[in-house]
């Protein structure tokens, strides 16, 4: 399953619901939990946004998101908490392009 810039639009509670449904979808369709959820998001404080200009852009986007929807740009510990609450066993984060990272969630 693949999601791009979805979780940043939602509250923590809504993200957990979305992630639980995603986990159910990948575990039921692949029998035995061998699927994974791939998410492209921005992660505040991650090495992918280590320079000053990137951090400024990330903070600006975070303010825009908070003013227009109920979401936010999350840090890795905030994402880890959501993943744990949704029942995922592990995850990896890989920088892909600019501020975006690929998060792979494993049931």
PDB file of N, CA and C in Angstrom:
ATOM      1  N   UNK A   1       0.847  -1.166   0.000  1.00  0.00           N
ATOM      2  CA  UNK A   1       0.000   0.000   0.000  1.00  0.00           C
ATOM      3  C   UNK A   1       0.898   1.237   0.000  1.00  0.00           C
ATOM      4  N   UNK A   2       0.475   2.283  -0.714  1.00  0.00           N
ATOM      5  CA  UNK A   2       1.269   3.498  -0.863  1.00  0.00           C
ATOM      6  C   UNK A   2       0.429   4.718  -0.511  1.00  0.00           C
ATOM      7  N   UNK A   3       0.988   5.625   0.283  1.00  0.00           N
ATOM      8  CA  UNK A   3       0.349   6.901   0.612  1.00  0.00           C
ATOM      9  C   UNK A   3       1.378   8.015   0.467  1.00  0.00           C
ATOM     10  N   UNK A   4       0.956   9.126  -0.070  1.00  0.00           N
ATOM     11  CA  UNK A   4       1.852  10.275  -0.188  1.00  0.00           C
ATOM     12  C   UNK A   4       1.157  11.510   0.349  1.00  0.00           C
ATOM     13  N   UNK A   5       1.795  12.168   1.290  1.00  0.00           N
ATOM     14  CA  UNK A   5       1.299  13.396   1.904  1.00  0.00           C
ATOM     15  C   UNK A   5      -0.143  13.255   2.379  1.00  0.00           C
ATOM     16  N   UNK A   6      -0.416  12.171   3.068  1.00  0.00           N
ATOM     17  CA  UNK A   6      -1.746  11.931   3.623  1.00  0.00           C
ATOM     18  C   UNK A   6      -1.756  12.234   5.112  1.00  0.00           C
ATOM     19  N   UNK A   7      -0.810  11.680   5.842  1.00  0.00           N
ATOM     20  CA  UNK A   7      -0.823  11.771   7.296  1.00  0.00           C
ATOM     21  C   UNK A   7      -0.637  13.200   7.803  1.00  0.00           C
ATOM     22  N   UNK A   8       0.059  14.042   7.057  1.00  0.00           N
ATOM     23  CA  UNK A   8       0.288  15.416   7.508  1.00  0.00           C
ATOM     24  C   UNK A   8      -1.012  16.225   7.560  1.00  0.00           C
ATOM     25  N   UNK A   9      -2.066  15.729   6.918  1.00  0.00           N
ATOM     26  CA  UNK A   9      -3.348  16.453   6.896  1.00  0.00           C
ATOM     27  C   UNK A   9      -4.273  16.092   8.047  1.00  0.00           C
ATOM     28  N   UNK A  10      -3.901  15.104   8.864  1.00  0.00           N
ATOM     29  CA  UNK A  10      -4.835  14.560   9.839  1.00  0.00           C
ATOM     30  C   UNK A  10      -4.304  14.644  11.270  1.00  0.00           C
ATOM     31  N   UNK A  11      -5.221  14.631  12.229  1.00  0.00           N
ATOM     32  CA  UNK A  11      -4.866  14.597  13.649  1.00  0.00           C
ATOM     33  C   UNK A  11      -4.226  13.251  13.973  1.00  0.00           C
ATOM     34  N   UNK A  12      -3.615  13.169  15.132  1.00  0.00           N
ATOM     35  CA  UNK A  12      -2.991  11.911  15.551  1.00  0.00           C
ATOM     36  C   UNK A  12      -4.013  10.778  15.611  1.00  0.00           C
ATOM     37  N   UNK A  13      -5.183  11.063  16.156  1.00  0.00           N
ATOM     38  CA  UNK A  13      -6.219  10.033  16.285  1.00  0.00           C
ATOM     39  C   UNK A  13      -6.651   9.526  14.910  1.00  0.00           C
ATOM     40  N   UNK A  14      -6.844  10.430  13.976  1.00  0.00           N
ATOM     41  CA  UNK A  14      -7.238  10.036  12.622  1.00  0.00           C
ATOM     42  C   UNK A  14      -6.130   9.259  11.929  1.00  0.00           C
ATOM     43  N   UNK A  15      -4.873   9.656  12.150  1.00  0.00           N
ATOM     44  CA  UNK A  15      -3.733   8.943  11.553  1.00  0.00           C
ATOM     45  C   UNK A  15      -3.677   7.505  12.051  1.00  0.00           C
ATOM     46  N   UNK A  16      -3.922   7.298  13.337  1.00  0.00           N
ATOM     47  CA  UNK A  16      -3.903   5.941  13.882  1.00  0.00           C
ATOM     48  C   UNK A  16      -4.993   5.105  13.216  1.00  0.00           C
ATOM     49  N   UNK A  17      -6.172   5.684  13.018  1.00  0.00           N
ATOM     50  CA  UNK A  17      -7.259   4.954  12.338  1.00  0.00           C
ATOM     51  C   UNK A  17      -6.871   4.596  10.904  1.00  0.00           C
ATOM     52  N   UNK A  18      -6.292   5.553  10.194  1.00  0.00           N
ATOM     53  CA  UNK A  18      -5.856   5.316   8.811  1.00  0.00           C
ATOM     54  C   UNK A  18      -4.801   4.219   8.773  1.00  0.00           C
ATOM     55  N   UNK A  19      -3.833   4.297   9.676  1.00  0.00           N
ATOM     56  CA  UNK A  19      -2.746   3.320   9.705  1.00  0.00           C
ATOM     57  C   UNK A  19      -3.245   1.926  10.089  1.00  0.00           C
ATOM     58  N   UNK A  20      -4.204   1.845  11.005  1.00  0.00           N
ATOM     59  CA  UNK A  20      -4.772   0.543  11.369  1.00  0.00           C
ATOM     60  C   UNK A  20      -5.465  -0.101  10.173  1.00  0.00           C
ATOM     61  N   UNK A  21      -6.193   0.702   9.400  1.00  0.00           N
ATOM     62  CA  UNK A  21      -6.857   0.173   8.208  1.00  0.00           C
ATOM     63  C   UNK A  21      -5.833  -0.258   7.161  1.00  0.00           C
ATOM     64  N   UNK A  22      -4.758   0.519   7.026  1.00  0.00           N
ATOM     65  CA  UNK A  22      -3.697   0.148   6.078  1.00  0.00           C
ATOM     66  C   UNK A  22      -3.043  -1.163   6.498  1.00  0.00           C
ATOM     67  N   UNK A  23      -2.794  -1.318   7.796  1.00  0.00           N
ATOM     68  CA  UNK A  23      -2.187  -2.559   8.296  1.00  0.00           C
ATOM     69  C   UNK A  23      -3.101  -3.739   8.027  1.00  0.00           C
ATOM     70  N   UNK A  24      -4.385  -3.563   8.286  1.00  0.00           N
ATOM     71  CA  UNK A  24      -5.345  -4.641   8.022  1.00  0.00           C
ATOM     72  C   UNK A  24      -5.351  -5.009   6.539  1.00  0.00           C
ATOM     73  N   UNK A  25      -5.282  -4.003   5.683  1.00  0.00           N
ATOM     74  CA  UNK A  25      -5.304  -4.251   4.232  1.00  0.00           C
ATOM     75  C   UNK A  25      -4.076  -5.039   3.775  1.00  0.00           C
ATOM     76  N   UNK A  26      -2.892  -4.692   4.258  1.00  0.00           N
ATOM     77  CA  UNK A  26      -1.693  -5.398   3.788  1.00  0.00           C
ATOM     78  C   UNK A  26      -1.549  -6.772   4.419  1.00  0.00           C
ATOM     79  N   UNK A  27      -2.040  -6.946   5.621  1.00  0.00           N
ATOM     80  CA  UNK A  27      -1.908  -8.264   6.244  1.00  0.00           C
ATOM     81  C   UNK A  27      -2.958  -9.236   5.717  1.00  0.00           C
ATOM     82  N   UNK A  28      -4.147  -8.751   5.397  1.00  0.00           N
ATOM     83  CA  UNK A  28      -5.176  -9.667   4.897  1.00  0.00           C
ATOM     84  C   UNK A  28      -4.960 -10.022   3.433  1.00  0.00           C
ATOM     85  N   UNK A  29      -4.450  -9.102   2.632  1.00  0.00           N
ATOM     86  CA  UNK A  29      -4.280  -9.371   1.204  1.00  0.00           C
ATOM     87  C   UNK A  29      -3.041 -10.200   0.897  1.00  0.00           C
ATOM     88  N   UNK A  30      -2.061 -10.193   1.767  1.00  0.00           N
ATOM     89  CA  UNK A  30      -0.826 -10.923   1.509  1.00  0.00           C
ATOM     90  C   UNK A  30      -0.679 -12.171   2.366  1.00  0.00           C
ATOM     91  N   UNK A  31      -1.656 -12.476   3.161  1.00  0.00           N
ATOM     92  CA  UNK A  31      -1.614 -13.678   3.983  1.00  0.00           C
ATOM     93  C   UNK A  31      -0.335 -13.838   4.779  1.00  0.00           C
ATOM     94  N   UNK A  32      -0.415 -13.673   6.065  1.00  0.00           N
ATOM     95  CA  UNK A  32       0.761 -13.853   6.905  1.00  0.00           C
ATOM     96  C   UNK A  32       1.507 -12.571   7.207  1.00  0.00           C
ATOM     97  N   UNK A  33       0.981 -11.441   6.836  1.00  0.00           N
ATOM     98  CA  UNK A  33       1.596 -10.172   7.201  1.00  0.00           C
ATOM     99  C   UNK A  33       2.884  -9.849   6.490  1.00  0.00           C
ATOM    100  N   UNK A  34       3.053 -10.293   5.252  1.00  0.00           N
ATOM    101  CA  UNK A  34       4.301 -10.043   4.533  1.00  0.00           C
ATOM    102  C   UNK A  34       4.285  -8.754   3.722  1.00  0.00           C
ATOM    103  N   UNK A  35       3.173  -8.057   3.712  1.00  0.00           N
ATOM    104  CA  UNK A  35       3.095  -6.801   2.990  1.00  0.00           C
ATOM    105  C   UNK A  35       3.705  -5.669   3.798  1.00  0.00           C
ATOM    106  N   UNK A  36       3.742  -4.503   3.216  1.00  0.00           N
ATOM    107  CA  UNK A  36       4.215  -3.317   3.928  1.00  0.00           C
ATOM    108  C   UNK A  36       3.446  -2.107   3.439  1.00  0.00           C
ATOM    109  N   UNK A  37       3.479  -1.064   4.244  1.00  0.00           N
ATOM    110  CA  UNK A  37       2.870   0.210   3.887  1.00  0.00           C
ATOM    111  C   UNK A  37       4.005   1.168   3.586  1.00  0.00           C
ATOM    112  N   UNK A  38       3.942   1.831   2.431  1.00  0.00           N
ATOM    113  CA  UNK A  38       4.955   2.810   2.054  1.00  0.00           C
ATOM    114  C   UNK A  38       4.313   4.196   2.094  1.00  0.00           C
ATOM    115  N   UNK A  39       4.981   5.105   2.794  1.00  0.00           N
ATOM    116  CA  UNK A  39       4.454   6.448   2.994  1.00  0.00           C
ATOM    117  C   UNK A  39       5.517   7.466   2.591  1.00  0.00           C
ATOM    118  N   UNK A  40       5.144   8.432   1.785  1.00  0.00           N
ATOM    119  CA  UNK A  40       6.038   9.546   1.473  1.00  0.00           C
ATOM    120  C   UNK A  40       5.519  10.762   2.229  1.00  0.00           C
ATOM    121  N   UNK A  41       6.334  11.284   3.105  1.00  0.00           N
ATOM    122  CA  UNK A  41       5.981  12.427   3.951  1.00  0.00           C
ATOM    123  C   UNK A  41       7.220  13.270   4.205  1.00  0.00           C
ATOM    124  N   UNK A  42       7.026  14.362   4.901  1.00  0.00           N
ATOM    125  CA  UNK A  42       8.127  15.158   5.419  1.00  0.00           C
ATOM    126  C   UNK A  42       8.256  14.824   6.897  1.00  0.00           C
ATOM    127  N   UNK A  43       9.486  14.712   7.389  1.00  0.00           N
ATOM    128  CA  UNK A  43       9.719  14.406   8.798  1.00  0.00           C
ATOM    129  C   UNK A  43      10.561  15.529   9.378  1.00  0.00           C
ATOM    130  N   UNK A  44       9.993  16.275  10.308  1.00  0.00           N
ATOM    131  CA  UNK A  44      10.696  17.403  10.933  1.00  0.00           C
ATOM    132  C   UNK A  44      11.915  16.897  11.693  1.00  0.00           C
ATOM    133  N   UNK A  45      13.035  17.568  11.520  1.00  0.00           N
ATOM    134  CA  UNK A  45      14.248  17.224  12.241  1.00  0.00           C
ATOM    135  C   UNK A  45      15.019  16.055  11.667  1.00  0.00           C
ATOM    136  N   UNK A  46      14.550  15.478  10.570  1.00  0.00           N
ATOM    137  CA  UNK A  46      15.250  14.350   9.964  1.00  0.00           C
ATOM    138  C   UNK A  46      16.454  14.858   9.185  1.00  0.00           C
ATOM    139  N   UNK A  47      17.430  13.993   8.969  1.00  0.00           N
ATOM    140  CA  UNK A  47      18.651  14.369   8.248  1.00  0.00           C
ATOM    141  C   UNK A  47      18.368  14.899   6.847  1.00  0.00           C
ATOM    142  N   UNK A  48      17.200  14.564   6.273  1.00  0.00           N
ATOM    143  CA  UNK A  48      16.867  15.021   4.933  1.00  0.00           C
ATOM    144  C   UNK A  48      16.616  16.528   4.895  1.00  0.00           C
ATOM    145  N   UNK A  49      16.387  17.145   6.058  1.00  0.00           N
ATOM    146  CA  UNK A  49      16.156  18.600   6.082  1.00  0.00           C
ATOM    147  C   UNK A  49      17.127  19.253   7.054  1.00  0.00           C
ATOM    148  N   UNK A  50      18.398  18.945   6.902  1.00  0.00           N
ATOM    149  CA  UNK A  50      19.389  19.409   7.861  1.00  0.00           C
ATOM    150  C   UNK A  50      19.885  20.833   7.605  1.00  0.00           C
ATOM    151  N   UNK A  51      19.739  21.348   6.401  1.00  0.00           N
ATOM    152  CA  UNK A  51      20.246  22.703   6.185  1.00  0.00           C
ATOM    153  C   UNK A  51      19.191  23.749   6.554  1.00  0.00           C
ATOM    154  N   UNK A  52      19.644  24.959   6.742  1.00  0.00           N
ATOM    155  CA  UNK A  52      18.798  26.037   7.250  1.00  0.00           C
ATOM    156  C   UNK A  52      17.634  26.355   6.307  1.00  0.00           C
ATOM    157  N   UNK A  53      17.892  26.395   5.018  1.00  0.00           N
ATOM    158  CA  UNK A  53      16.844  26.709   4.045  1.00  0.00           C
ATOM    159  C   UNK A  53      15.747  25.645   4.053  1.00  0.00           C
ATOM    160  N   UNK A  54      16.147  24.398   4.108  1.00  0.00           N
ATOM    161  CA  UNK A  54      15.173  23.305   4.141  1.00  0.00           C
ATOM    162  C   UNK A  54      14.344  23.367   5.419  1.00  0.00           C
ATOM    163  N   UNK A  55      14.988  23.663   6.536  1.00  0.00           N
ATOM    164  CA  UNK A  55      14.270  23.757   7.806  1.00  0.00           C
ATOM    165  C   UNK A  55      13.257  24.891   7.760  1.00  0.00           C
ATOM    166  N   UNK A  56      13.629  26.024   7.181  1.00  0.00           N
ATOM    167  CA  UNK A  56      12.699  27.148   7.044  1.00  0.00           C
ATOM    168  C   UNK A  56      11.494  26.777   6.199  1.00  0.00           C
ATOM    169  N   UNK A  57      11.722  26.075   5.109  1.00  0.00           N
ATOM    170  CA  UNK A  57      10.627  25.622   4.245  1.00  0.00           C
ATOM    171  C   UNK A  57       9.713  24.673   4.999  1.00  0.00           C
ATOM    172  N   UNK A  58      10.300  23.756   5.738  1.00  0.00           N
ATOM    173  CA  UNK A  58       9.526  22.789   6.510  1.00  0.00           C
ATOM    174  C   UNK A  58       8.657  23.492   7.557  1.00  0.00           C
ATOM    175  N   UNK A  59       9.212  24.461   8.254  1.00  0.00           N
ATOM    176  CA  UNK A  59       8.441  25.197   9.259  1.00  0.00           C
ATOM    177  C   UNK A  59       7.305  25.992   8.617  1.00  0.00           C
ATOM    178  N   UNK A  60       7.559  26.589   7.458  1.00  0.00           N
ATOM    179  CA  UNK A  60       6.517  27.312   6.740  1.00  0.00           C
ATOM    180  C   UNK A  60       5.383  26.362   6.349  1.00  0.00           C
ATOM    181  N   UNK A  61       5.736  25.209   5.791  1.00  0.00           N
ATOM    182  CA  UNK A  61       4.720  24.233   5.405  1.00  0.00           C
ATOM    183  C   UNK A  61       3.936  23.748   6.617  1.00  0.00           C
ATOM    184  N   UNK A  62       4.607  23.574   7.744  1.00  0.00           N
ATOM    185  CA  UNK A  62       3.934  23.148   8.966  1.00  0.00           C
ATOM    186  C   UNK A  62       2.884  24.181   9.381  1.00  0.00           C
ATOM    187  N   UNK A  63       3.224  25.457   9.305  1.00  0.00           N
ATOM    188  CA  UNK A  63       2.253  26.509   9.661  1.00  0.00           C
ATOM    189  C   UNK A  63       1.067  26.509   8.706  1.00  0.00           C
ATOM    190  N   UNK A  64       1.326  26.345   7.413  1.00  0.00           N
ATOM    191  CA  UNK A  64       0.241  26.308   6.429  1.00  0.00           C
ATOM    192  C   UNK A  64      -0.683  25.123   6.704  1.00  0.00           C
ATOM    193  N   UNK A  65      -0.095  23.973   6.974  1.00  0.00           N
ATOM    194  CA  UNK A  65      -0.884  22.767   7.261  1.00  0.00           C
ATOM    195  C   UNK A  65      -1.739  22.984   8.506  1.00  0.00           C
ATOM    196  N   UNK A  66      -1.152  23.532   9.566  1.00  0.00           N
ATOM    197  CA  UNK A  66      -1.901  23.734  10.808  1.00  0.00           C
ATOM    198  C   UNK A  66      -3.021  24.753  10.651  1.00  0.00           C
ATOM    199  N   UNK A  67      -2.862  25.718   9.739  1.00  0.00           N
ATOM    200  CA  UNK A  67      -3.904  26.734   9.526  1.00  0.00           C
ATOM    201  C   UNK A  67      -5.040  26.235   8.648  1.00  0.00           C
ATOM    202  N   UNK A  68      -4.789  25.238   7.809  1.00  0.00           N
ATOM    203  CA  UNK A  68      -5.799  24.829   6.835  1.00  0.00           C
ATOM    204  C   UNK A  68      -6.469  23.494   7.139  1.00  0.00           C
ATOM    205  N   UNK A  69      -5.777  22.604   7.815  1.00  0.00           N
ATOM    206  CA  UNK A  69      -6.346  21.290   8.160  1.00  0.00           C
ATOM    207  C   UNK A  69      -5.961  20.982   9.606  1.00  0.00           C
ATOM    208  N   UNK A  70      -6.366  19.838  10.117  1.00  0.00           N
ATOM    209  CA  UNK A  70      -6.071  19.523  11.512  1.00  0.00           C
ATOM    210  C   UNK A  70      -4.750  18.792  11.715  1.00  0.00           C
ATOM    211  N   UNK A  71      -3.927  18.692  10.683  1.00  0.00           N
ATOM    212  CA  UNK A  71      -2.679  17.951  10.766  1.00  0.00           C
ATOM    213  C   UNK A  71      -1.484  18.794  11.140  1.00  0.00           C
ATOM    214  N   UNK A  72      -0.295  18.203  10.937  1.00  0.00           N
ATOM    215  CA  UNK A  72       0.965  18.880  11.230  1.00  0.00           C
ATOM    216  C   UNK A  72       2.113  18.081  10.628  1.00  0.00           C
ATOM    217  N   UNK A  73       3.272  18.721  10.516  1.00  0.00           N
ATOM    218  CA  UNK A  73       4.492  18.017  10.133  1.00  0.00           C
ATOM    219  C   UNK A  73       5.038  17.400  11.414  1.00  0.00           C
ATOM    220  N   UNK A  74       5.258  16.102  11.409  1.00  0.00           N
ATOM    221  CA  UNK A  74       5.659  15.391  12.619  1.00  0.00           C
ATOM    222  C   UNK A  74       7.150  15.063  12.615  1.00  0.00           C
ATOM    223  N   UNK A  75       7.674  14.873  13.813  1.00  0.00           N
ATOM    224  CA  UNK A  75       9.050  14.417  13.992  1.00  0.00           C
ATOM    225  C   UNK A  75       9.069  12.887  13.938  1.00  0.00           C
ATOM    226  N   UNK A  76      10.254  12.312  13.854  1.00  0.00           N
ATOM    227  CA  UNK A  76      10.333  10.852  13.834  1.00  0.00           C
ATOM    228  C   UNK A  76       9.748  10.221  15.103  1.00  0.00           C
ATOM    229  N   UNK A  77      10.041  10.758  16.312  1.00  0.00           N
ATOM    230  CA  UNK A  77       9.412  10.166  17.501  1.00  0.00           C
ATOM    231  C   UNK A  77       7.877  10.253  17.474  1.00  0.00           C
ATOM    232  N   UNK A  78       7.333  11.327  16.915  1.00  0.00           N
ATOM    233  CA  UNK A  78       5.874  11.437  16.808  1.00  0.00           C
ATOM    234  C   UNK A  78       5.323  10.389  15.847  1.00  0.00           C
ATOM    235  N   UNK A  79       6.007  10.190  14.722  1.00  0.00           N
ATOM    236  CA  UNK A  79       5.586   9.143  13.789  1.00  0.00           C
ATOM    237  C   UNK A  79       5.715   7.766  14.448  1.00  0.00           C
ATOM    238  N   UNK A  80       6.812   7.519  15.151  1.00  0.00           N
ATOM    239  CA  UNK A  80       7.025   6.221  15.802  1.00  0.00           C
ATOM    240  C   UNK A  80       5.888   5.899  16.765  1.00  0.00           C
ATOM    241  N   UNK A  81       5.421   6.900  17.479  1.00  0.00           N
ATOM    242  CA  UNK A  81       4.303   6.701  18.408  1.00  0.00           C
ATOM    243  C   UNK A  81       3.036   6.307  17.643  1.00  0.00           C
ATOM    244  N   UNK A  82       2.760   6.988  16.530  1.00  0.00           N
ATOM    245  CA  UNK A  82       1.586   6.654  15.714  1.00  0.00           C
ATOM    246  C   UNK A  82       1.695   5.226  15.178  1.00  0.00           C
ATOM    247  N   UNK A  83       2.873   4.868  14.680  1.00  0.00           N
ATOM    248  CA  UNK A  83       3.072   3.533  14.116  1.00  0.00           C
ATOM    249  C   UNK A  83       2.861   2.458  15.186  1.00  0.00           C
ATOM    250  N   UNK A  84       3.373   2.714  16.370  1.00  0.00           N
ATOM    251  CA  UNK A  84       3.224   1.764  17.472  1.00  0.00           C
ATOM    252  C   UNK A  84       1.758   1.628  17.872  1.00  0.00           C
ATOM    253  N   UNK A  85       1.061   2.748  17.989  1.00  0.00           N
ATOM    254  CA  UNK A  85      -0.352   2.719  18.367  1.00  0.00           C
ATOM    255  C   UNK A  85      -1.201   2.007  17.320  1.00  0.00           C
ATOM    256  N   UNK A  86      -0.778   2.056  16.064  1.00  0.00           N
ATOM    257  CA  UNK A  86      -1.511   1.382  14.990  1.00  0.00           C
ATOM    258  C   UNK A  86      -1.148  -0.100  14.888  1.00  0.00           C
ATOM    259  N   UNK A  87      -0.155  -0.539  15.666  1.00  0.00           N
ATOM    260  CA  UNK A  87       0.181  -1.952  15.710  1.00  0.00           C
ATOM    261  C   UNK A  87       1.287  -2.408  14.780  1.00  0.00           C
ATOM    262  N   UNK A  88       2.063  -1.478  14.233  1.00  0.00           N
ATOM    263  CA  UNK A  88       3.169  -1.867  13.363  1.00  0.00           C
ATOM    264  C   UNK A  88       4.379  -2.266  14.204  1.00  0.00           C
ATOM    265  N   UNK A  89       5.087  -3.302  13.744  1.00  0.00           N
ATOM    266  CA  UNK A  89       6.226  -3.840  14.488  1.00  0.00           C
ATOM    267  C   UNK A  89       7.500  -3.024  14.276  1.00  0.00           C
ATOM    268  N   UNK A  90       7.709  -2.523  13.050  1.00  0.00           N
ATOM    269  CA  UNK A  90       8.931  -1.780  12.761  1.00  0.00           C
ATOM    270  C   UNK A  90       8.734  -0.876  11.551  1.00  0.00           C
ATOM    271  N   UNK A  91       9.722   0.012  11.352  1.00  0.00           N
ATOM    272  CA  UNK A  91       9.686   0.920  10.204  1.00  0.00           C
ATOM    273  C   UNK A  91      11.104   1.316   9.838  1.00  0.00           C
ATOM    274  N   UNK A  92      11.260   1.775   8.601  1.00  0.00           N
ATOM    275  CA  UNK A  92      12.519   2.368   8.163  1.00  0.00           C
ATOM    276  C   UNK A  92      12.207   3.700   7.502  1.00  0.00           C
ATOM    277  N   UNK A  93      13.155   4.617   7.554  1.00  0.00           N
ATOM    278  CA  UNK A  93      13.004   5.924   6.901  1.00  0.00           C
ATOM    279  C   UNK A  93      14.187   6.112   5.966  1.00  0.00           C
ATOM    280  N   UNK A  94      13.875   6.429   4.698  1.00  0.00           N
ATOM    281  CA  UNK A  94      14.908   6.644   3.692  1.00  0.00           C
ATOM    282  C   UNK A  94      14.657   7.982   2.997  1.00  0.00           C
ATOM    283  N   UNK A  95      15.626   8.915   3.013  1.00  0.00           N
ATOM    284  CA  UNK A  95      15.450  10.170   2.271  1.00  0.00           C
ATOM    285  C   UNK A  95      15.303   9.870   0.779  1.00  0.00           C
ATOM    286  N   UNK A  96      14.355  10.551   0.106  1.00  0.00           N
ATOM    287  CA  UNK A  96      14.165  10.286  -1.322  1.00  0.00           C
ATOM    288  C   UNK A  96      14.372  11.520  -2.192  1.00  0.00           C
ATOM    289  N   UNK A  97      13.851  12.664  -1.789  1.00  0.00           N
ATOM    290  CA  UNK A  97      13.977  13.848  -2.633  1.00  0.00           C
ATOM    291  C   UNK A  97      13.668  15.089  -1.810  1.00  0.00           C
ATOM    292  N   UNK A  98      14.654  15.941  -1.637  1.00  0.00           N
ATOM    293  CA  UNK A  98      14.429  17.168  -0.886  1.00  0.00           C
ATOM    294  C   UNK A  98      13.980  16.870   0.534  1.00  0.00           C
ATOM    295  N   UNK A  99      12.856  17.445   0.916  1.00  0.00           N
ATOM    296  CA  UNK A  99      12.328  17.266   2.266  1.00  0.00           C
ATOM    297  C   UNK A  99      11.568  15.960   2.447  1.00  0.00           C
ATOM    298  N   UNK A 100      11.310  15.267   1.362  1.00  0.00           N
ATOM    299  CA  UNK A 100      10.502  14.049   1.439  1.00  0.00           C
ATOM    300  C   UNK A 100      11.346  12.837   1.813  1.00  0.00           C
ATOM    301  N   UNK A 101      10.705  11.958   2.571  1.00  0.00           N
ATOM    302  CA  UNK A 101      11.316  10.684   2.925  1.00  0.00           C
ATOM    303  C   UNK A 101      10.333   9.567   2.602  1.00  0.00           C
ATOM    304  N   UNK A 102      10.865   8.380   2.424  1.00  0.00           N
ATOM    305  CA  UNK A 102      10.048   7.183   2.260  1.00  0.00           C
ATOM    306  C   UNK A 102      10.054   6.441   3.578  1.00  0.00           C
ATOM    307  N   UNK A 103       8.868   6.249   4.146  1.00  0.00           N
ATOM    308  CA  UNK A 103       8.718   5.490   5.375  1.00  0.00           C
ATOM    309  C   UNK A 103       8.108   4.141   4.997  1.00  0.00           C
ATOM    310  N   UNK A 104       8.788   3.081   5.368  1.00  0.00           N
ATOM    311  CA  UNK A 104       8.264   1.733   5.114  1.00  0.00           C
ATOM    312  C   UNK A 104       7.863   1.124   6.451  1.00  0.00           C
ATOM    313  N   UNK A 105       6.575   0.755   6.548  1.00  0.00           N
ATOM    314  CA  UNK A 105       6.026   0.174   7.774  1.00  0.00           C
ATOM    315  C   UNK A 105       5.821  -1.316   7.598  1.00  0.00           C
ATOM    316  N   UNK A 106       6.247  -2.068   8.610  1.00  0.00           N
ATOM    317  CA  UNK A 106       6.136  -3.521   8.557  1.00  0.00           C
ATOM    318  C   UNK A 106       5.243  -4.005   9.696  1.00  0.00           C
ATOM    319  N   UNK A 107       4.244  -4.852   9.357  1.00  0.00           N
ATOM    320  CA  UNK A 107       3.324  -5.346  10.404  1.00  0.00           C
ATOM    321  C   UNK A 107       4.024  -6.193  11.456  1.00  0.00           C
TER     322      UNK A 107
END
